[in-house]
Protein backbone atom coordinates (compact mmCIF):
# COMPACT_ATOMS: atom_id res chain seq x y z
CA UNK A 1 90.43 91.00 51.42
CA UNK A 2 92.66 89.86 53.43
CA UNK A 3 95.00 87.43 51.53
CA UNK A 4 98.13 84.90 52.18
CA UNK A 5 101.93 85.21 50.78
CA UNK A 6 103.01 82.15 50.35
CA UNK A 7 106.48 81.46 49.35
CA UNK A 8 108.62 79.13 46.34
CA UNK A 9 111.81 78.78 47.26
CA UNK A 10 113.77 75.75 44.73
CA UNK A 11 117.31 76.05 46.89
CA UNK A 12 118.77 78.39 48.80
CA UNK A 13 120.04 80.05 46.38
CA UNK A 14 117.70 80.54 44.02
CA UNK A 15 114.90 83.52 44.00
CA UNK A 16 112.12 83.29 45.83
CA UNK A 17 108.55 83.18 44.00
CA UNK A 18 105.33 84.95 45.64
CA UNK A 19 101.77 84.27 45.42
CA UNK A 20 98.95 85.83 46.93
CA UNK A 21 95.91 84.67 47.58
CA UNK A 22 93.08 85.14 49.22
CA UNK A 23 92.57 84.10 52.53
CA UNK A 24 89.95 81.30 51.89
CA UNK A 25 92.07 79.77 49.51
CA UNK A 26 93.13 77.22 51.62
CA UNK A 27 90.27 75.78 52.59
CA UNK A 28 89.00 75.03 49.37
CA UNK A 29 92.00 73.70 48.66
CA UNK A 30 91.32 71.33 51.64
CA UNK A 31 87.74 71.30 50.41
CA UNK A 32 88.95 70.13 47.06
CA UNK A 33 91.60 67.88 48.82
CA UNK A 34 89.65 66.54 50.70
CA UNK A 35 87.06 65.56 47.26
CA UNK A 36 90.12 63.89 45.03
CA UNK A 37 90.93 61.94 47.66
CA UNK A 38 86.66 60.49 48.72
CA UNK A 39 86.83 60.37 44.69
CA UNK A 40 90.24 58.19 44.58
CA UNK A 41 89.08 56.17 47.53
CA UNK A 42 85.19 55.37 46.28
CA UNK A 43 86.80 54.85 43.22
CA UNK A 44 89.67 52.00 43.91
CA UNK A 45 87.17 50.30 46.46
CA UNK A 46 85.02 50.08 43.04
CA UNK A 47 88.07 48.73 41.17
CA UNK A 48 89.68 46.43 44.62
CA UNK A 49 85.30 45.51 44.71
CA UNK A 50 85.57 44.69 40.49
CA UNK A 51 88.35 42.67 40.91
CA UNK A 52 87.74 39.86 44.22
CA UNK A 53 84.04 39.79 42.00
CA UNK A 54 86.44 39.16 38.95
CA UNK A 55 88.45 36.52 40.49
CA UNK A 56 85.98 34.96 42.14
CA UNK A 57 84.33 34.80 38.29
CA UNK A 58 87.17 33.31 37.32
CA UNK A 59 87.77 30.18 39.69
CA UNK A 60 84.33 29.61 39.35
CA UNK A 61 84.30 29.99 35.93
CA UNK A 62 87.51 27.80 36.16
CA UNK A 63 85.30 25.50 38.50
CA UNK A 64 82.93 24.94 35.64
CA UNK A 65 85.52 24.61 32.85
CA UNK A 66 86.75 21.24 34.48
CA UNK A 67 83.18 20.06 35.44
CA UNK A 68 82.45 20.48 31.99
CA UNK A 69 84.99 18.29 31.21
CA UNK A 70 85.06 15.80 33.28
CA UNK A 71 80.72 15.94 32.15
CA UNK A 72 82.40 15.73 28.98
CA UNK A 73 83.99 12.56 29.91
CA UNK A 74 81.22 10.91 31.56
CA UNK A 75 79.00 11.88 28.79
CA UNK A 76 81.47 10.13 26.15
CA UNK A 77 81.68 6.80 28.45
CA UNK A 78 78.24 7.17 28.40
CA UNK A 79 78.14 6.69 25.19
CA UNK A 80 80.22 4.09 24.57
CA UNK A 81 77.86 2.22 27.25
CA UNK A 82 74.64 2.95 25.75
CA UNK A 83 76.84 1.48 22.26
CA UNK A 84 77.10 -1.08 23.93
CA UNK A 85 73.54 -2.19 25.05
CA UNK A 86 72.22 -1.15 21.96
CA UNK A 87 75.11 -4.03 20.56
CA UNK A 88 72.91 -6.67 23.68
CA UNK A 89 69.57 -5.89 22.27
CA UNK A 90 70.53 -6.41 19.07
CA UNK A 91 71.94 -10.05 19.70
CA UNK A 92 68.96 -10.80 22.25
CA UNK A 93 66.99 -9.95 19.04
CA UNK A 94 68.31 -12.80 16.61
CA UNK A 95 68.15 -15.01 19.76
CA UNK A 96 64.77 -14.18 19.68
CA UNK A 97 65.00 -14.65 15.91
CA UNK A 98 66.14 -17.77 16.40
CA UNK A 99 63.83 -18.77 19.74
CA UNK A 100 60.23 -17.91 16.66
CA UNK A 101 62.16 -20.16 13.60
CA UNK A 102 62.51 -23.14 16.20
CA UNK A 103 59.56 -22.76 17.93
CA UNK A 104 57.55 -21.90 14.25
CA UNK A 105 56.04 -18.21 15.51
CA UNK A 106 55.43 -15.00 13.50
CA UNK A 107 58.02 -12.97 14.27
CA UNK A 108 56.94 -9.62 16.17
CA UNK A 109 55.59 -6.45 14.53
CA UNK A 110 58.13 -3.85 14.23
CA UNK A 111 55.96 -0.86 14.53
CA UNK A 112 55.97 1.42 16.77
CA UNK A 113 51.89 0.97 16.94
CA UNK A 114 53.57 -2.09 19.10
CA UNK A 115 54.91 0.03 22.22
CA UNK A 116 51.22 1.94 22.46
CA UNK A 117 50.28 0.04 25.88
CA UNK A 118 51.58 2.97 28.36
CA UNK A 119 55.39 3.37 29.63
CA UNK A 120 57.65 6.69 30.41
CA UNK A 121 57.23 9.19 27.06
CA UNK A 122 60.62 10.21 25.20
CA UNK A 123 63.19 11.93 26.51
CA UNK A 124 63.52 15.60 25.81
CA UNK A 125 66.13 18.41 26.21
CA UNK A 126 65.64 22.04 26.58
CA UNK A 127 67.50 23.81 23.64
CA UNK A 128 69.93 25.06 26.16
CA UNK A 129 71.22 21.57 26.30
CA UNK A 130 71.57 20.48 22.76
CA UNK A 131 74.53 19.14 22.39
CA UNK A 132 75.60 17.02 19.94
CA UNK A 133 76.50 14.20 22.21
CA UNK A 134 73.27 15.48 24.05
CA UNK A 135 71.48 14.67 21.47
CA UNK A 136 72.82 11.31 20.11
CA UNK A 137 71.95 9.76 23.95
CA UNK A 138 68.88 11.06 24.06
CA UNK A 139 67.92 9.78 20.92
CA UNK A 140 70.00 6.50 21.53
CA UNK A 141 67.65 6.16 24.96
CA UNK A 142 64.45 6.89 23.21
CA UNK A 143 65.95 3.74 20.42
CA UNK A 144 66.55 1.06 23.91
CA UNK A 145 63.09 2.11 26.19
CA UNK A 146 61.62 0.46 22.48
CA UNK A 147 64.32 -1.92 21.36
CA UNK A 148 63.61 -3.00 25.11
CA UNK A 149 60.66 -2.25 25.34
CA UNK A 150 59.67 -4.77 22.11
CA UNK A 151 61.86 -7.20 23.13
CA UNK A 152 59.84 -7.40 26.80
CA UNK A 153 56.40 -7.90 24.86
CA UNK A 154 58.81 -10.44 21.91
CA UNK A 155 59.65 -12.19 25.28
CA UNK A 156 56.51 -12.29 27.15
CA UNK A 157 55.60 -14.20 23.65
CA UNK A 158 57.31 -17.07 23.68
CA UNK A 159 57.36 -17.20 27.96
CA UNK A 160 53.77 -18.20 27.39
CA UNK A 161 54.91 -20.50 24.19
CA UNK A 162 56.82 -22.86 26.11
CA UNK A 163 55.03 -22.53 29.10
CA UNK A 164 52.49 -23.92 27.09
CA UNK A 165 54.76 -26.55 25.24
CA UNK A 166 56.62 -27.66 28.39
CA UNK A 167 52.82 -29.03 29.69
CA UNK A 168 52.19 -30.35 26.96
CA UNK A 169 55.80 -32.42 25.84
CA UNK A 170 55.37 -32.97 29.88
CA UNK A 171 51.92 -34.42 29.38
CA UNK A 172 53.06 -36.92 26.51
CA UNK A 173 53.23 -40.83 27.22
CA UNK A 174 57.01 -40.76 25.66
CA UNK A 175 58.13 -43.26 28.33
CA UNK A 176 57.86 -46.76 28.35
CA UNK A 177 55.92 -47.79 31.97
CA UNK A 178 57.42 -50.72 32.70
CA UNK A 179 60.30 -52.61 31.35
CA UNK A 180 59.76 -56.71 29.91
CA UNK A 181 59.14 -58.21 26.27
CA UNK A 182 56.00 -56.92 24.48
CA UNK A 183 54.22 -60.39 23.75
CA UNK A 184 52.42 -58.63 21.47
CA UNK A 185 52.19 -55.03 19.86
CA UNK A 186 49.37 -52.43 18.27
CA UNK A 187 47.00 -54.07 15.89
CA UNK A 188 45.27 -57.22 14.77
CA UNK A 189 45.76 -60.24 16.26
CA UNK A 190 44.79 -63.97 16.52
CA UNK A 191 42.34 -63.51 19.76
CA UNK A 192 44.14 -66.22 22.74
CA UNK A 193 40.84 -67.67 23.98
CA UNK A 194 39.07 -67.69 21.27
CA UNK A 195 41.41 -68.12 18.28
CA UNK A 196 39.68 -65.09 16.23
CA UNK A 197 40.96 -61.60 14.31
CA UNK A 198 40.31 -58.91 16.67
CA UNK A 199 41.66 -55.61 17.34
CA UNK A 200 44.33 -55.81 20.41
CA UNK A 201 44.60 -51.61 21.15
CA UNK A 202 47.65 -51.05 22.95
CA UNK A 203 50.88 -53.09 23.97
CA UNK A 204 51.26 -56.36 26.60
CA UNK A 205 54.18 -56.26 27.92
CA UNK A 206 54.33 -59.26 29.75
CA UNK A 207 57.01 -59.41 32.91
CA UNK A 208 57.14 -60.67 37.05
CA UNK A 209 53.99 -60.10 38.53
CA UNK A 210 54.58 -57.68 41.29
CA UNK A 211 56.54 -55.98 38.63
CA UNK A 212 55.76 -51.36 39.73
CA UNK A 213 54.74 -49.99 36.89
CA UNK A 214 55.59 -46.02 36.55
CA UNK A 215 53.43 -43.11 34.91
CA UNK A 216 54.60 -42.08 31.47
CA UNK A 217 53.62 -38.59 31.86
CA UNK A 218 51.75 -35.38 34.10
CA UNK A 219 47.79 -36.27 34.28
CA UNK A 220 45.16 -37.26 36.95
CA UNK A 221 43.66 -40.69 37.82
CA UNK A 222 40.05 -40.70 36.62
CA UNK A 223 39.07 -44.11 36.32
CA UNK A 224 40.37 -46.65 38.61
CA UNK A 225 37.95 -49.75 38.58
CA UNK A 226 37.92 -53.78 38.22
CA UNK A 227 37.05 -55.28 34.56
CA UNK A 228 36.52 -58.71 33.77
CA UNK A 229 38.07 -58.33 30.68
CA UNK A 230 41.58 -55.89 31.89
CA UNK A 231 40.54 -57.20 35.50
CA UNK A 232 42.03 -54.18 37.52
CA UNK A 233 42.76 -50.93 36.09
CA UNK A 234 43.85 -47.71 36.30
CA UNK A 235 43.08 -45.14 33.88
CA UNK A 236 45.28 -41.64 33.18
CA UNK A 237 44.08 -38.37 31.06
CA UNK A 238 46.85 -36.39 30.66
CA UNK A 239 44.58 -32.90 30.11
CA UNK A 240 45.62 -32.71 26.01
CA UNK A 241 42.80 -35.50 25.10
CA UNK A 242 44.72 -38.37 25.61
CA UNK A 243 43.96 -41.06 28.28
CA UNK A 244 46.10 -43.98 28.76
CA UNK A 245 44.73 -47.13 30.83
CA UNK A 246 46.94 -49.85 32.35
CA UNK A 247 44.69 -53.33 32.81
CA UNK A 248 45.89 -56.93 34.63
CA UNK A 249 46.94 -55.28 37.50
CA UNK A 250 48.06 -56.54 40.67
CA UNK A 251 47.81 -54.01 42.80
CA UNK A 252 46.67 -50.14 42.16
CA UNK A 253 49.19 -47.93 44.20
CA UNK A 254 46.40 -44.50 43.47
CA UNK A 255 43.24 -43.17 43.37
CA UNK A 256 40.74 -41.30 41.14
CA UNK A 257 41.33 -38.02 41.40
CA UNK A 258 44.92 -37.87 42.61
CA UNK A 259 47.46 -35.66 40.53
CA UNK A 260 50.84 -37.73 38.94
CA UNK A 261 54.21 -37.02 38.00
CA UNK A 262 55.60 -38.53 34.80
CA UNK A 263 57.75 -41.62 36.56
CA UNK A 264 55.36 -41.51 39.56
CA UNK A 265 54.58 -45.44 40.75
CA UNK A 266 50.72 -46.20 40.15
CA UNK A 267 51.11 -49.72 39.99
CA UNK A 268 52.71 -53.56 39.76
CA UNK A 269 52.36 -55.99 37.18
CA UNK A 270 50.23 -58.13 37.92
CA UNK A 271 47.19 -60.77 35.59
CA UNK A 272 43.82 -60.45 36.91
CA UNK A 273 40.75 -60.41 34.64
CA UNK A 274 40.93 -61.45 30.98
CA UNK A 275 44.92 -62.75 30.50
CA UNK A 276 47.05 -65.80 29.43
CA UNK A 277 50.22 -64.52 32.40
CA UNK A 278 51.44 -61.44 34.08
CA UNK A 279 51.60 -58.97 32.13
CA UNK A 280 50.77 -55.31 31.40
CA UNK A 281 48.13 -54.03 29.54
CA UNK A 282 49.01 -49.97 27.76
CA UNK A 283 46.38 -48.70 26.00
CA UNK A 284 46.66 -44.76 24.14
CA UNK A 285 43.42 -42.88 23.98
CA UNK A 286 43.41 -39.85 21.73
CA UNK A 287 40.54 -38.43 21.53
CA UNK A 288 39.05 -41.81 21.98
CA UNK A 289 40.28 -43.02 19.41
CA UNK A 290 43.40 -45.75 20.23
CA UNK A 291 46.84 -45.40 18.51
CA UNK A 292 50.18 -47.10 19.45
CA UNK A 293 51.56 -46.34 22.15
CA UNK A 294 55.05 -46.40 20.66
CA UNK A 295 54.41 -43.67 18.75
CA UNK A 296 55.33 -41.67 21.85
CA UNK A 297 57.93 -43.81 23.52
CA UNK A 298 61.55 -41.54 22.71
CA UNK A 299 62.91 -43.96 24.93
């Protein structure tokens, strides 16, 4: 078998060592060396790739940590804002209570059954996101949602109530129709024409002929006519069971069916009908019964 001789010397004066190897050994050595280099190359590529991957993950992790820190601060700020909103709701609830006391309205029932009117469902976090802070925020949001829904119902009730009251107040004859001297009040008196006692169902307000008369409240003109006793007479219905009557006018400035507001010009003082001098006869009739007009006048 053909062999090769390999001589090894550590220095020029040292003894030469000889190693005889078969002829095919170099090929095997080269193959082994190539295999080792290939394994080393593969391992190097793997470790380099793993290093790059880990470096990328570390960068992403740092970014996530930074984002998590920012989100934590945002959640804390959001939580503080929710706390402020809840305090505002509490303040509004107190104001709501005061309005109800003033309006003599019952409190809105404080139960969840009242809120069964539709709308968004309660918020729920997936288990992976259920942290203490996030859970508290969700609870606060659910509570805020219920409170705002309850307040919305309550305020709508108050709005409806005060709208009705506004209409009622606007329809109350609370101002003088004309300024002058009350020469005859509401109640029994001696009739100036017969001298016998008789019920006087209004106020006689003496002033100059032609003095403007204004509407004491909102209403609709229901009667404009000439009457033997009242002369030129005008009636206004306020829509809440009260009728106003104005007699002895020199001129009527409105017509039947007109809608008028408090303070509108309606007629002029005169001396028509059964009258002893220029004045306005002013009556307030509630559900068909004459009452003293002074009961309603505020000015």
